Amino acid sequence: MPNPSVGAVVVHNGRIIGEGFTSIYGGPHAEPNAIASVKNQELLKESTLYVSLEPCSHFGKTPPCCDLVIEKQIPKVVIGTVDPFAKVCGRGIQKMKEAGIEVIVGVLEQECQESNKRFFTFHNKKRPYIILKWAESSDGFIAPSHKIESKPFWISNTYSKQLVHQWRSEEMAFLVGTQTVLDDNPSLTTRDWYGKNPTRIYLDRIGKINDSYAIVTDEAPTICITANKELQSTEKVTYEYADFETDLVHQITAILYKHNLMSVVIEGGKQTLQSFIDNNLWDEARIFISSSPLIDGIKAPKLTHFAREEKHRILDNLLRIVHPL
């Protein structure tokens, strides 16, 4: 990200002779990697290129992929789905057709879109792909009513915690509310898994969070969404202003879209999570359920309508992955 993850294969007489996938951001795309992997380049003139997303037609970090396909005189291209990005969106297909290439579009289209659901959500809905995440006790509480120390109260087990750190390396942003920062003092960095830190986002309406908190460091890009226009951006924090009285969740998604963040995990707290649920503004929920009760505390958010769910056992934790209607 922010590029889509694309796969491509080159097939000659029913045999795969080349394959490639998107490099890390800034590197070659799937098609050049697949084409470069073909040992006998002359065979390209008799081959079919299969690619999960329309080859790009614009100059970005790399040259247009469709130009390379034309240059190599590949006679046939089979495309999973059209690229929703405005600078491409059919232009690559048209350019190859005009060059005399046979182009077939829409093969396993739904599967190809699912494999890049963050990319498609971002460009089609003008917002990031939104994942809600929380842990709750067996009797439905996410935290005790009162805490003595300002640090996380762990409901999920060590392996579930490690999985969350893996998610931090895979998603572009993690967001928490003001009370979560005050109560838990999270750093939102990737410590128990190898990988990059996500962009950290926190809500702070009036400016309660100072640089003594773990989220206010230079370990990762950090954005604070606030109503206090006296707060000025620093090397550690970028301040973005929002009206907390009117439709805050849509303002949040607009700010994330502005910062080119294609995915976000809403990690807490209860009020922040419930706001996204009540506005039907989510794409996935990941819920850890402990085998132990809390008896009393802060009630977990409620999902009332959803289309499907998966369940995974992680020792004494149950992980529910829920998708909306």
Protein backbone atom coordinates (compact mmCIF):
# COMPACT_ATOMS: atom_id res chain seq x y z
CA MET A 1 0.00 0.00 0.00
CA PRO A 2 -0.91 2.52 -1.16
CA ASN A 3 -0.41 0.52 -4.38
CA PRO A 4 -2.64 -2.50 -4.96
CA SER A 5 -1.17 -5.98 -4.57
CA VAL A 6 -1.26 -7.56 -8.02
CA GLY A 7 -0.24 -10.94 -9.42
CA ALA A 8 0.64 -11.78 -13.02
CA VAL A 9 1.63 -14.88 -14.99
CA VAL A 10 2.83 -15.33 -18.56
CA VAL A 11 1.51 -18.47 -20.28
CA HIS A 12 2.90 -20.00 -23.49
CA ASN A 13 1.14 -23.01 -25.03
CA GLY A 14 -0.56 -23.84 -21.75
CA ARG A 15 2.62 -23.59 -19.66
CA ILE A 16 3.55 -20.83 -17.21
CA ILE A 17 6.88 -19.34 -18.33
CA GLY A 18 6.90 -16.25 -16.14
CA GLU A 19 5.33 -14.94 -12.96
CA GLY A 20 5.53 -11.82 -10.82
CA PHE A 21 3.82 -9.76 -8.16
CA THR A 22 3.89 -6.14 -7.02
CA SER A 23 7.16 -5.06 -5.42
CA ILE A 24 7.37 -2.98 -2.26
CA TYR A 25 6.00 0.56 -2.85
CA GLY A 26 8.11 2.37 -5.45
CA GLY A 27 9.37 -0.82 -7.12
CA PRO A 28 8.25 -2.58 -10.31
CA HIS A 29 4.64 -3.74 -10.62
CA ALA A 30 3.50 -7.32 -11.22
CA GLU A 31 3.57 -7.18 -15.03
CA PRO A 32 7.21 -6.01 -15.43
CA ASN A 33 8.31 -8.56 -12.84
CA ALA A 34 6.46 -11.36 -14.64
CA ILE A 35 7.77 -10.30 -18.06
CA ALA A 36 11.36 -9.97 -16.78
CA SER A 37 11.20 -13.51 -15.36
CA VAL A 38 10.67 -15.03 -18.83
CA LYS A 39 13.98 -16.54 -19.93
CA ASN A 40 13.26 -16.55 -23.66
CA GLN A 41 11.82 -13.10 -24.33
CA GLU A 42 10.91 -14.04 -27.92
CA LEU A 43 8.19 -16.33 -26.53
CA LEU A 44 6.34 -13.25 -25.26
CA LYS A 45 5.12 -12.61 -28.81
CA GLU A 46 3.21 -15.91 -28.67
CA SER A 47 2.05 -15.76 -25.04
CA THR A 48 -0.89 -14.66 -22.92
CA LEU A 49 -0.45 -12.40 -19.91
CA TYR A 50 -2.87 -13.03 -17.04
CA VAL A 51 -3.05 -10.23 -14.49
CA SER A 52 -5.40 -9.72 -11.53
CA LEU A 53 -5.76 -5.94 -12.07
CA GLU A 54 -5.75 -3.74 -15.16
CA PRO A 55 -2.18 -2.72 -16.15
CA CYS A 56 -1.54 0.92 -15.28
CA SER A 57 -1.43 3.58 -18.00
CA HIS A 58 0.20 6.50 -16.17
CA PHE A 59 3.63 7.54 -14.95
CA GLY A 60 3.94 7.28 -11.15
CA LYS A 61 6.90 5.78 -9.32
CA THR A 62 7.31 3.53 -12.37
CA PRO A 63 6.48 3.78 -16.11
CA PRO A 64 3.08 2.59 -17.45
CA CYS A 65 2.79 -1.21 -17.45
CA CYS A 66 0.55 -1.24 -20.52
CA ASP A 67 3.36 0.42 -22.52
CA LEU A 68 5.69 -2.47 -21.66
CA VAL A 69 3.04 -5.03 -22.70
CA ILE A 70 2.70 -3.25 -26.04
CA GLU A 71 6.48 -2.96 -26.46
CA LYS A 72 6.94 -6.70 -25.85
CA GLN A 73 4.20 -7.45 -28.44
CA ILE A 74 2.25 -9.74 -26.13
CA PRO A 75 -0.81 -10.62 -28.26
CA LYS A 76 -3.35 -11.41 -25.54
CA VAL A 77 -4.02 -10.08 -22.03
CA VAL A 78 -6.57 -11.53 -19.58
CA ILE A 79 -7.49 -9.10 -16.76
CA GLY A 80 -9.32 -9.93 -13.54
CA THR A 81 -10.82 -6.51 -12.94
CA VAL A 82 -10.68 -2.87 -14.03
CA ASP A 83 -8.52 -0.56 -11.90
CA PRO A 84 -10.77 1.92 -10.00
CA PHE A 85 -7.94 4.48 -9.68
CA ALA A 86 -8.98 7.56 -11.65
CA LYS A 87 -5.66 7.82 -13.52
CA VAL A 88 -6.11 4.28 -14.88
CA CYS A 89 -9.79 3.13 -14.84
CA GLY A 90 -10.02 1.62 -18.34
CA ARG A 91 -7.26 3.66 -19.96
CA GLY A 92 -4.76 0.81 -19.82
CA ILE A 93 -7.28 -1.54 -21.41
CA GLN A 94 -8.12 0.95 -24.15
CA LYS A 95 -4.47 1.64 -24.92
CA MET A 96 -3.69 -2.07 -25.34
CA LYS A 97 -6.76 -2.62 -27.53
CA GLU A 98 -5.75 0.29 -29.75
CA ALA A 99 -2.34 -1.38 -30.13
CA GLY A 100 -4.07 -4.50 -31.50
CA ILE A 101 -3.86 -6.64 -28.35
CA GLU A 102 -6.76 -8.98 -27.58
CA VAL A 103 -7.97 -7.99 -24.11
CA ILE A 104 -10.40 -10.02 -21.97
CA VAL A 105 -11.71 -8.38 -18.78
CA GLY A 106 -13.69 -9.71 -15.80
CA VAL A 107 -12.24 -13.19 -15.20
CA LEU A 108 -12.66 -14.08 -11.49
CA GLU A 109 -13.56 -10.43 -11.04
CA GLN A 110 -15.10 -10.74 -7.56
CA GLU A 111 -12.12 -12.69 -6.24
CA CYS A 112 -9.68 -10.16 -7.69
CA GLN A 113 -11.56 -7.28 -6.09
CA GLU A 114 -11.67 -9.13 -2.75
CA SER A 115 -7.89 -9.59 -2.83
CA ASN A 116 -7.55 -5.79 -3.06
CA LYS A 117 -10.56 -4.77 -0.97
CA ARG A 118 -8.64 -1.96 0.77
CA PHE A 119 -7.61 -0.45 -2.57
CA PHE A 120 -11.13 -0.74 -4.04
CA THR A 121 -12.80 0.67 -0.90
CA PHE A 122 -10.41 3.62 -0.86
CA HIS A 123 -10.96 4.59 -4.51
CA ASN A 124 -14.65 3.71 -4.83
CA LYS A 125 -15.90 5.00 -1.46
CA LYS A 126 -13.28 7.73 -0.90
CA ARG A 127 -12.44 6.41 2.56
CA PRO A 128 -10.18 3.79 4.12
CA TYR A 129 -11.14 0.16 4.65
CA ILE A 130 -12.35 0.20 8.28
CA ILE A 131 -11.62 -2.64 10.69
CA LEU A 132 -13.13 -2.56 14.19
CA LYS A 133 -11.13 -4.42 16.84
CA TRP A 134 -11.67 -5.15 20.51
CA ALA A 135 -11.32 -7.84 23.16
CA GLU A 136 -14.11 -8.76 25.55
CA SER A 137 -14.57 -11.07 28.50
CA SER A 138 -16.81 -14.12 28.34
CA ASP A 139 -19.57 -12.05 29.95
CA GLY A 140 -19.23 -9.14 27.50
CA PHE A 141 -17.02 -6.51 29.14
CA ILE A 142 -14.04 -4.79 27.47
CA ALA A 143 -12.44 -3.34 30.62
CA PRO A 144 -12.98 -2.99 34.36
CA SER A 145 -14.94 0.06 35.54
CA HIS A 146 -11.95 1.47 37.42
CA LYS A 147 -8.21 1.03 36.91
CA ILE A 148 -5.41 1.88 39.31
CA GLU A 149 -2.65 2.22 36.68
CA SER A 150 -2.59 3.94 33.28
CA LYS A 151 -1.75 0.87 31.21
CA PRO A 152 -3.67 -1.71 29.18
CA PHE A 153 -5.81 -4.28 30.97
CA TRP A 154 -5.24 -7.47 29.00
CA ILE A 155 -8.28 -9.64 28.29
CA SER A 156 -6.78 -11.46 25.31
CA ASN A 157 -3.85 -13.87 25.66
CA THR A 158 -0.21 -13.51 24.56
CA TYR A 159 -0.76 -15.09 21.14
CA SER A 160 -3.78 -12.89 20.42
CA LYS A 161 -1.70 -9.86 21.39
CA GLN A 162 1.05 -10.96 18.99
CA LEU A 163 -1.54 -11.33 16.22
CA VAL A 164 -2.64 -7.72 16.80
CA HIS A 165 0.98 -6.62 16.37
CA GLN A 166 1.05 -8.53 13.08
CA TRP A 167 -2.05 -6.60 12.02
CA ARG A 168 -0.25 -3.37 12.91
CA SER A 169 2.43 -4.27 10.39
CA GLU A 170 -0.21 -5.04 7.73
CA GLU A 171 -2.62 -2.08 8.01
CA MET A 172 -1.83 1.56 7.29
CA ALA A 173 -3.31 3.16 10.43
CA PHE A 174 -4.58 2.44 13.95
CA LEU A 175 -7.00 4.81 15.70
CA VAL A 176 -7.97 5.22 19.36
CA GLY A 177 -10.17 7.62 21.29
CA THR A 178 -9.11 10.09 23.97
CA GLN A 179 -10.13 7.94 26.92
CA THR A 180 -8.17 4.97 25.63
CA VAL A 181 -5.00 7.07 25.56
CA LEU A 182 -5.67 8.41 29.06
CA ASP A 183 -6.56 5.00 30.52
CA ASP A 184 -4.16 2.67 28.68
CA ASN A 185 -1.32 4.91 27.44
CA PRO A 186 -0.83 2.76 24.29
CA SER A 187 2.10 3.23 21.92
CA LEU A 188 0.34 1.51 18.95
CA THR A 189 3.72 0.37 17.60
CA THR A 190 4.69 -3.03 16.19
CA ARG A 191 6.83 -4.56 18.93
CA ASP A 192 5.86 -8.25 19.04
CA TRP A 193 6.06 -8.75 15.27
CA TYR A 194 8.57 -7.86 12.58
CA GLY A 195 7.33 -5.05 10.37
CA LYS A 196 6.63 -1.36 10.00
CA ASN A 197 4.67 0.73 12.47
CA PRO A 198 1.27 1.99 11.31
CA THR A 199 0.30 5.64 11.28
CA ARG A 200 -1.14 6.33 14.74
CA ILE A 201 -4.29 8.40 15.06
CA TYR A 202 -5.93 9.56 18.25
CA LEU A 203 -8.87 11.78 19.10
CA ASP A 204 -8.27 14.64 21.52
CA ARG A 205 -11.06 17.19 21.44
CA ILE A 206 -9.61 19.85 23.74
CA GLY A 207 -5.93 18.87 24.04
CA LYS A 208 -5.63 16.57 27.05
CA ILE A 209 -2.84 14.46 25.55
CA ASN A 210 0.68 15.87 25.96
CA ASP A 211 4.07 14.53 24.91
CA SER A 212 4.41 12.48 28.09
CA TYR A 213 2.13 9.85 26.52
CA ALA A 214 3.55 6.89 24.60
CA ILE A 215 1.58 7.75 21.46
CA VAL A 216 3.34 11.12 21.15
CA THR A 217 6.78 10.05 19.89
CA ASP A 218 8.67 10.03 16.62
CA GLU A 219 8.52 6.20 16.38
CA ALA A 220 5.74 6.41 13.80
CA PRO A 221 3.71 9.06 11.96
CA THR A 222 1.07 10.38 14.38
CA ILE A 223 -2.11 12.35 13.68
CA CYS A 224 -4.27 13.96 16.35
CA ILE A 225 -7.85 14.86 15.43
CA THR A 226 -8.93 17.76 17.61
CA ALA A 227 -11.38 20.65 17.92
CA ASN A 228 -8.73 22.87 19.52
CA LYS A 229 -7.41 25.13 16.78
CA GLU A 230 -4.72 26.51 19.06
CA LEU A 231 -2.80 23.25 18.78
CA GLN A 232 -0.08 23.45 16.15
CA SER A 233 1.61 20.57 14.36
CA THR A 234 5.07 19.51 15.54
CA GLU A 235 7.71 17.02 14.39
CA LYS A 236 5.93 14.36 16.46
CA VAL A 237 2.25 15.12 15.81
CA THR A 238 0.20 16.42 12.89
CA TYR A 239 -3.00 18.11 14.12
CA GLU A 240 -6.14 17.89 12.04
CA TYR A 241 -9.24 19.83 13.03
CA ALA A 242 -12.79 18.49 13.21
CA ASP A 243 -16.15 19.56 14.59
CA PHE A 244 -16.83 17.06 17.37
CA GLU A 245 -20.49 18.12 17.52
CA THR A 246 -21.39 17.11 13.96
CA ASP A 247 -20.92 13.77 12.19
CA LEU A 248 -17.43 13.13 13.58
CA VAL A 249 -16.90 9.67 12.09
CA HIS A 250 -17.32 10.90 8.52
CA GLN A 251 -14.91 13.75 9.25
CA ILE A 252 -12.42 11.19 10.55
CA THR A 253 -12.64 9.09 7.39
CA ALA A 254 -12.24 12.22 5.24
CA ILE A 255 -9.05 13.14 7.15
CA LEU A 256 -7.66 9.63 6.68
CA TYR A 257 -8.51 9.76 2.98
CA LYS A 258 -6.70 13.09 2.73
CA HIS A 259 -3.59 11.43 4.22
CA ASN A 260 -3.80 8.58 1.67
CA LEU A 261 -4.43 5.97 4.38
CA MET A 262 -6.19 3.04 2.71
CA SER A 263 -6.93 1.02 5.84
CA VAL A 264 -7.50 1.77 9.51
CA VAL A 265 -8.07 -0.36 12.59
CA ILE A 266 -10.34 1.30 15.15
CA GLU A 267 -8.92 -0.08 18.38
CA GLY A 268 -10.95 1.74 21.01
CA GLY A 269 -12.51 2.72 23.17
CA LYS A 270 -16.12 1.71 23.50
CA GLN A 271 -17.58 5.09 22.52
CA THR A 272 -15.37 5.43 19.44
CA LEU A 273 -16.11 1.90 18.26
CA GLN A 274 -19.86 2.26 18.83
CA SER A 275 -19.89 5.52 16.85
CA PHE A 276 -18.62 3.73 13.76
CA ILE A 277 -21.09 0.88 14.31
CA ASP A 278 -24.04 3.25 14.77
CA ASN A 279 -23.12 5.05 11.54
CA ASN A 280 -22.80 1.71 9.71
CA LEU A 281 -19.29 2.77 8.78
CA TRP A 282 -17.20 -0.38 8.97
CA ASP A 283 -16.02 -3.19 6.70
CA GLU A 284 -14.87 -5.82 9.17
CA ALA A 285 -14.85 -6.45 12.93
CA ARG A 286 -12.25 -8.56 14.72
CA ILE A 287 -13.35 -9.52 18.22
CA PHE A 288 -11.32 -11.51 20.73
CA ILE A 289 -13.44 -13.28 23.34
CA SER A 290 -11.78 -14.52 26.52
CA SER A 291 -12.87 -17.67 28.35
CA SER A 292 -12.85 -15.75 31.65
CA PRO A 293 -15.54 -13.39 33.00
CA LEU A 294 -15.00 -9.89 34.39
CA ILE A 295 -18.29 -9.79 36.36
CA ASP A 296 -18.45 -5.99 36.10
CA GLY A 297 -16.98 -3.27 33.91
CA ILE A 298 -17.43 -1.39 30.64
CA LYS A 299 -19.78 -3.20 28.28
CA ALA A 300 -18.43 -4.24 24.88
CA PRO A 301 -19.78 -2.60 21.69
CA LYS A 302 -22.75 -4.28 20.07
CA LEU A 303 -23.00 -5.48 16.48
CA THR A 304 -26.66 -6.08 15.70
CA HIS A 305 -26.71 -6.83 11.97
CA PHE A 306 -24.00 -8.61 10.04
CA ALA A 307 -23.82 -10.84 7.00
CA ARG A 308 -21.29 -13.48 7.93
CA GLU A 309 -18.59 -14.38 10.40
CA GLU A 310 -15.60 -16.65 10.83
CA LYS A 311 -14.44 -18.13 14.11
CA HIS A 312 -10.87 -19.06 15.04
CA ARG A 313 -9.62 -20.59 18.29
CA ILE A 314 -6.43 -19.12 19.79
CA LEU A 315 -5.86 -21.24 22.92
CA ASP A 316 -8.38 -19.90 25.45
CA ASN A 317 -9.44 -17.02 23.16
CA LEU A 318 -12.06 -17.11 20.42
CA LEU A 319 -11.48 -14.73 17.50
CA ARG A 320 -14.63 -13.68 15.64
CA ILE A 321 -14.15 -11.98 12.26
CA VAL A 322 -17.46 -10.38 11.31
CA HIS A 323 -18.53 -8.76 8.03
CA PRO A 324 -21.43 -6.29 7.73
CA LEU A 325 -24.55 -6.67 5.60
